[in-house]
Amino acid sequence: MKLPRDLDGEELVSLLGRFGYVTSRQTGSHIRMTTTEGGEHHITIPRHSPLRVGTLSAILRDVAEHLDMDRNVLIETLFG
């Protein structure tokens, strides 16, 4: 499945909430999210509209790696 081209940072924050990520802080236009599922993990999401495809891809790769999921399964779960 292709990545969405019109996704903004706020939408990604709410989608990642399904996997136990919660907003831990925000500095300027960047949101820091943390999960303790499967060990503590932090990601930073820019609050841009829309997110660049490479940025979105890197965030999803990092999340999928932490959750021991295939990246395509994660994408299908979030956007499918």
N, C-alpha and C. Protein backbone atom coordinates (compact mmCIF):
# COMPACT_ATOMS: atom_id res chain seq x y z
N MET A 1 0.84 -1.18 0.00
CA MET A 1 0.00 0.00 0.00
C MET A 1 0.89 1.25 0.00
N LYS A 2 0.50 2.24 -0.76
CA LYS A 2 1.25 3.48 -0.83
C LYS A 2 0.97 4.34 0.39
N LEU A 3 1.95 5.14 0.75
CA LEU A 3 1.77 6.06 1.87
C LEU A 3 0.89 7.23 1.45
N PRO A 4 0.05 7.72 2.35
CA PRO A 4 -0.78 8.88 2.01
C PRO A 4 0.09 10.12 1.82
N ARG A 5 -0.29 10.95 0.88
CA ARG A 5 0.49 12.15 0.57
C ARG A 5 -0.05 13.39 1.27
N ASP A 6 -1.21 13.27 1.93
CA ASP A 6 -1.85 14.45 2.52
C ASP A 6 -1.99 14.35 4.04
N LEU A 7 -1.19 13.52 4.67
CA LEU A 7 -1.27 13.30 6.11
C LEU A 7 -0.48 14.38 6.84
N ASP A 8 -1.09 14.99 7.86
CA ASP A 8 -0.33 15.95 8.65
C ASP A 8 0.10 15.34 9.97
N GLY A 9 0.95 16.04 10.69
CA GLY A 9 1.53 15.52 11.92
C GLY A 9 0.49 15.20 12.98
N GLU A 10 -0.53 16.05 13.12
CA GLU A 10 -1.57 15.83 14.12
C GLU A 10 -2.33 14.53 13.85
N GLU A 11 -2.61 14.25 12.59
CA GLU A 11 -3.31 13.01 12.24
C GLU A 11 -2.45 11.79 12.58
N LEU A 12 -1.16 11.87 12.30
CA LEU A 12 -0.27 10.75 12.61
C LEU A 12 -0.18 10.52 14.12
N VAL A 13 -0.18 11.60 14.90
CA VAL A 13 -0.16 11.48 16.36
C VAL A 13 -1.38 10.69 16.83
N SER A 14 -2.56 11.02 16.31
CA SER A 14 -3.76 10.31 16.75
C SER A 14 -3.77 8.86 16.27
N LEU A 15 -3.24 8.59 15.08
CA LEU A 15 -3.19 7.22 14.58
C LEU A 15 -2.24 6.35 15.40
N LEU A 16 -1.12 6.92 15.82
CA LEU A 16 -0.15 6.14 16.59
C LEU A 16 -0.63 5.87 18.02
N GLY A 17 -1.66 6.59 18.45
CA GLY A 17 -2.26 6.32 19.75
C GLY A 17 -2.80 4.90 19.84
N ARG A 18 -3.17 4.32 18.71
CA ARG A 18 -3.66 2.93 18.68
C ARG A 18 -2.60 1.94 19.17
N PHE A 19 -1.35 2.31 19.04
CA PHE A 19 -0.25 1.42 19.41
C PHE A 19 0.37 1.80 20.75
N GLY A 20 -0.34 2.60 21.53
CA GLY A 20 0.13 2.94 22.87
C GLY A 20 1.03 4.15 22.95
N TYR A 21 1.21 4.88 21.86
CA TYR A 21 2.04 6.08 21.90
C TYR A 21 1.22 7.24 22.46
N VAL A 22 1.80 7.97 23.39
CA VAL A 22 1.16 9.15 23.97
C VAL A 22 2.11 10.33 23.83
N THR A 23 1.54 11.52 23.75
CA THR A 23 2.35 12.72 23.63
C THR A 23 3.02 12.98 24.97
N SER A 24 4.34 13.05 24.96
CA SER A 24 5.06 13.32 26.20
C SER A 24 5.46 14.79 26.32
N ARG A 25 5.67 15.45 25.19
CA ARG A 25 5.95 16.89 25.21
C ARG A 25 5.88 17.44 23.80
N GLN A 26 5.87 18.77 23.72
CA GLN A 26 5.92 19.43 22.43
C GLN A 26 6.83 20.64 22.55
N THR A 27 7.73 20.76 21.62
CA THR A 27 8.62 21.91 21.56
C THR A 27 8.48 22.53 20.18
N GLY A 28 7.92 23.71 20.13
CA GLY A 28 7.70 24.36 18.84
C GLY A 28 6.78 23.54 17.98
N SER A 29 7.23 23.17 16.80
CA SER A 29 6.38 22.43 15.86
C SER A 29 6.67 20.94 15.87
N HIS A 30 7.36 20.44 16.90
CA HIS A 30 7.68 19.02 16.97
C HIS A 30 7.05 18.38 18.20
N ILE A 31 6.42 17.24 18.00
CA ILE A 31 5.73 16.52 19.06
C ILE A 31 6.55 15.28 19.39
N ARG A 32 6.82 15.08 20.66
CA ARG A 32 7.57 13.90 21.12
C ARG A 32 6.56 12.91 21.69
N MET A 33 6.57 11.69 21.16
CA MET A 33 5.66 10.65 21.61
C MET A 33 6.46 9.51 22.23
N THR A 34 5.86 8.88 23.24
CA THR A 34 6.52 7.81 23.97
C THR A 34 5.56 6.64 24.14
N THR A 35 6.09 5.44 24.08
CA THR A 35 5.33 4.24 24.43
C THR A 35 6.20 3.39 25.35
N THR A 36 5.53 2.62 26.21
CA THR A 36 6.26 1.69 27.07
C THR A 36 5.94 0.25 26.69
N GLU A 37 5.15 0.07 25.65
CA GLU A 37 4.82 -1.27 25.18
C GLU A 37 6.03 -1.85 24.46
N GLY A 38 6.49 -3.00 24.92
CA GLY A 38 7.66 -3.63 24.31
C GLY A 38 8.95 -2.92 24.65
N GLY A 39 8.96 -2.19 25.76
CA GLY A 39 10.13 -1.39 26.14
C GLY A 39 9.88 0.07 25.78
N GLU A 40 10.56 0.96 26.45
CA GLU A 40 10.35 2.38 26.21
C GLU A 40 10.88 2.77 24.83
N HIS A 41 10.09 3.59 24.13
CA HIS A 41 10.48 4.02 22.78
C HIS A 41 9.97 5.43 22.56
N HIS A 42 10.79 6.28 21.98
CA HIS A 42 10.44 7.67 21.72
C HIS A 42 10.53 7.95 20.22
N ILE A 43 9.59 8.74 19.73
CA ILE A 43 9.67 9.22 18.36
C ILE A 43 9.30 10.70 18.35
N THR A 44 9.82 11.42 17.40
CA THR A 44 9.52 12.83 17.23
C THR A 44 8.79 13.01 15.92
N ILE A 45 7.65 13.69 15.98
CA ILE A 45 6.83 13.90 14.80
C ILE A 45 6.70 15.39 14.54
N PRO A 46 7.10 15.86 13.37
CA PRO A 46 6.91 17.27 13.06
C PRO A 46 5.43 17.58 12.86
N ARG A 47 5.02 18.73 13.31
CA ARG A 47 3.62 19.12 13.20
C ARG A 47 3.42 19.90 11.89
N HIS A 48 3.85 19.32 10.80
CA HIS A 48 3.77 19.96 9.50
C HIS A 48 2.55 19.44 8.74
N SER A 49 2.11 20.23 7.80
CA SER A 49 0.98 19.82 6.98
C SER A 49 1.31 20.10 5.52
N PRO A 50 1.43 19.09 4.71
CA PRO A 50 1.47 17.67 5.02
C PRO A 50 2.89 17.24 5.40
N LEU A 51 2.99 16.05 5.98
CA LEU A 51 4.30 15.47 6.27
C LEU A 51 4.95 15.05 4.96
N ARG A 52 6.23 15.25 4.83
CA ARG A 52 6.92 14.79 3.63
C ARG A 52 6.97 13.27 3.64
N VAL A 53 6.94 12.69 2.46
CA VAL A 53 6.87 11.23 2.33
C VAL A 53 8.07 10.55 2.98
N GLY A 54 9.26 11.10 2.80
CA GLY A 54 10.45 10.50 3.40
C GLY A 54 10.42 10.56 4.92
N THR A 55 9.89 11.66 5.46
CA THR A 55 9.77 11.80 6.91
C THR A 55 8.77 10.79 7.45
N LEU A 56 7.62 10.69 6.81
CA LEU A 56 6.59 9.73 7.21
C LEU A 56 7.13 8.30 7.13
N SER A 57 7.83 7.99 6.07
CA SER A 57 8.39 6.66 5.89
C SER A 57 9.39 6.32 6.99
N ALA A 58 10.24 7.27 7.35
CA ALA A 58 11.23 7.03 8.40
C ALA A 58 10.57 6.81 9.75
N ILE A 59 9.53 7.59 10.05
CA ILE A 59 8.80 7.43 11.32
C ILE A 59 8.15 6.06 11.37
N LEU A 60 7.49 5.66 10.30
CA LEU A 60 6.80 4.36 10.28
C LEU A 60 7.79 3.20 10.34
N ARG A 61 8.94 3.34 9.70
CA ARG A 61 9.97 2.30 9.76
C ARG A 61 10.45 2.13 11.20
N ASP A 62 10.65 3.24 11.89
CA ASP A 62 11.11 3.20 13.28
C ASP A 62 10.06 2.55 14.19
N VAL A 63 8.80 2.91 14.01
CA VAL A 63 7.71 2.34 14.82
C VAL A 63 7.57 0.85 14.53
N ALA A 64 7.59 0.47 13.27
CA ALA A 64 7.44 -0.94 12.90
C ALA A 64 8.59 -1.77 13.47
N GLU A 65 9.79 -1.23 13.44
CA GLU A 65 10.95 -1.94 13.99
C GLU A 65 10.79 -2.14 15.49
N HIS A 66 10.32 -1.12 16.19
CA HIS A 66 10.13 -1.24 17.64
C HIS A 66 9.04 -2.25 17.99
N LEU A 67 7.97 -2.28 17.21
CA LEU A 67 6.84 -3.17 17.49
C LEU A 67 7.05 -4.57 16.90
N ASP A 68 8.17 -4.81 16.26
CA ASP A 68 8.46 -6.09 15.59
C ASP A 68 7.36 -6.45 14.59
N MET A 69 6.95 -5.46 13.81
CA MET A 69 5.94 -5.65 12.77
C MET A 69 6.60 -5.41 11.42
N ASP A 70 6.01 -6.01 10.40
CA ASP A 70 6.41 -5.68 9.04
C ASP A 70 5.90 -4.27 8.74
N ARG A 71 6.69 -3.47 8.07
CA ARG A 71 6.29 -2.09 7.77
C ARG A 71 4.98 -2.03 6.99
N ASN A 72 4.81 -2.95 6.03
CA ASN A 72 3.59 -2.96 5.23
C ASN A 72 2.36 -3.30 6.06
N VAL A 73 2.51 -4.18 7.05
CA VAL A 73 1.40 -4.52 7.95
C VAL A 73 1.03 -3.29 8.78
N LEU A 74 2.02 -2.56 9.26
CA LEU A 74 1.77 -1.34 10.02
C LEU A 74 1.02 -0.32 9.17
N ILE A 75 1.47 -0.13 7.94
CA ILE A 75 0.82 0.82 7.04
C ILE A 75 -0.62 0.42 6.78
N GLU A 76 -0.86 -0.87 6.54
CA GLU A 76 -2.22 -1.36 6.30
C GLU A 76 -3.10 -1.16 7.53
N THR A 77 -2.55 -1.39 8.72
CA THR A 77 -3.30 -1.22 9.96
C THR A 77 -3.67 0.25 10.18
N LEU A 78 -2.74 1.15 9.91
CA LEU A 78 -2.98 2.57 10.14
C LEU A 78 -3.89 3.20 9.09
N PHE A 79 -3.65 2.88 7.83
CA PHE A 79 -4.31 3.61 6.75
C PHE A 79 -5.29 2.78 5.94
N GLY A 80 -5.32 1.47 6.17
CA GLY A 80 -6.14 0.57 5.37
C GLY A 80 -7.56 0.62 5.75
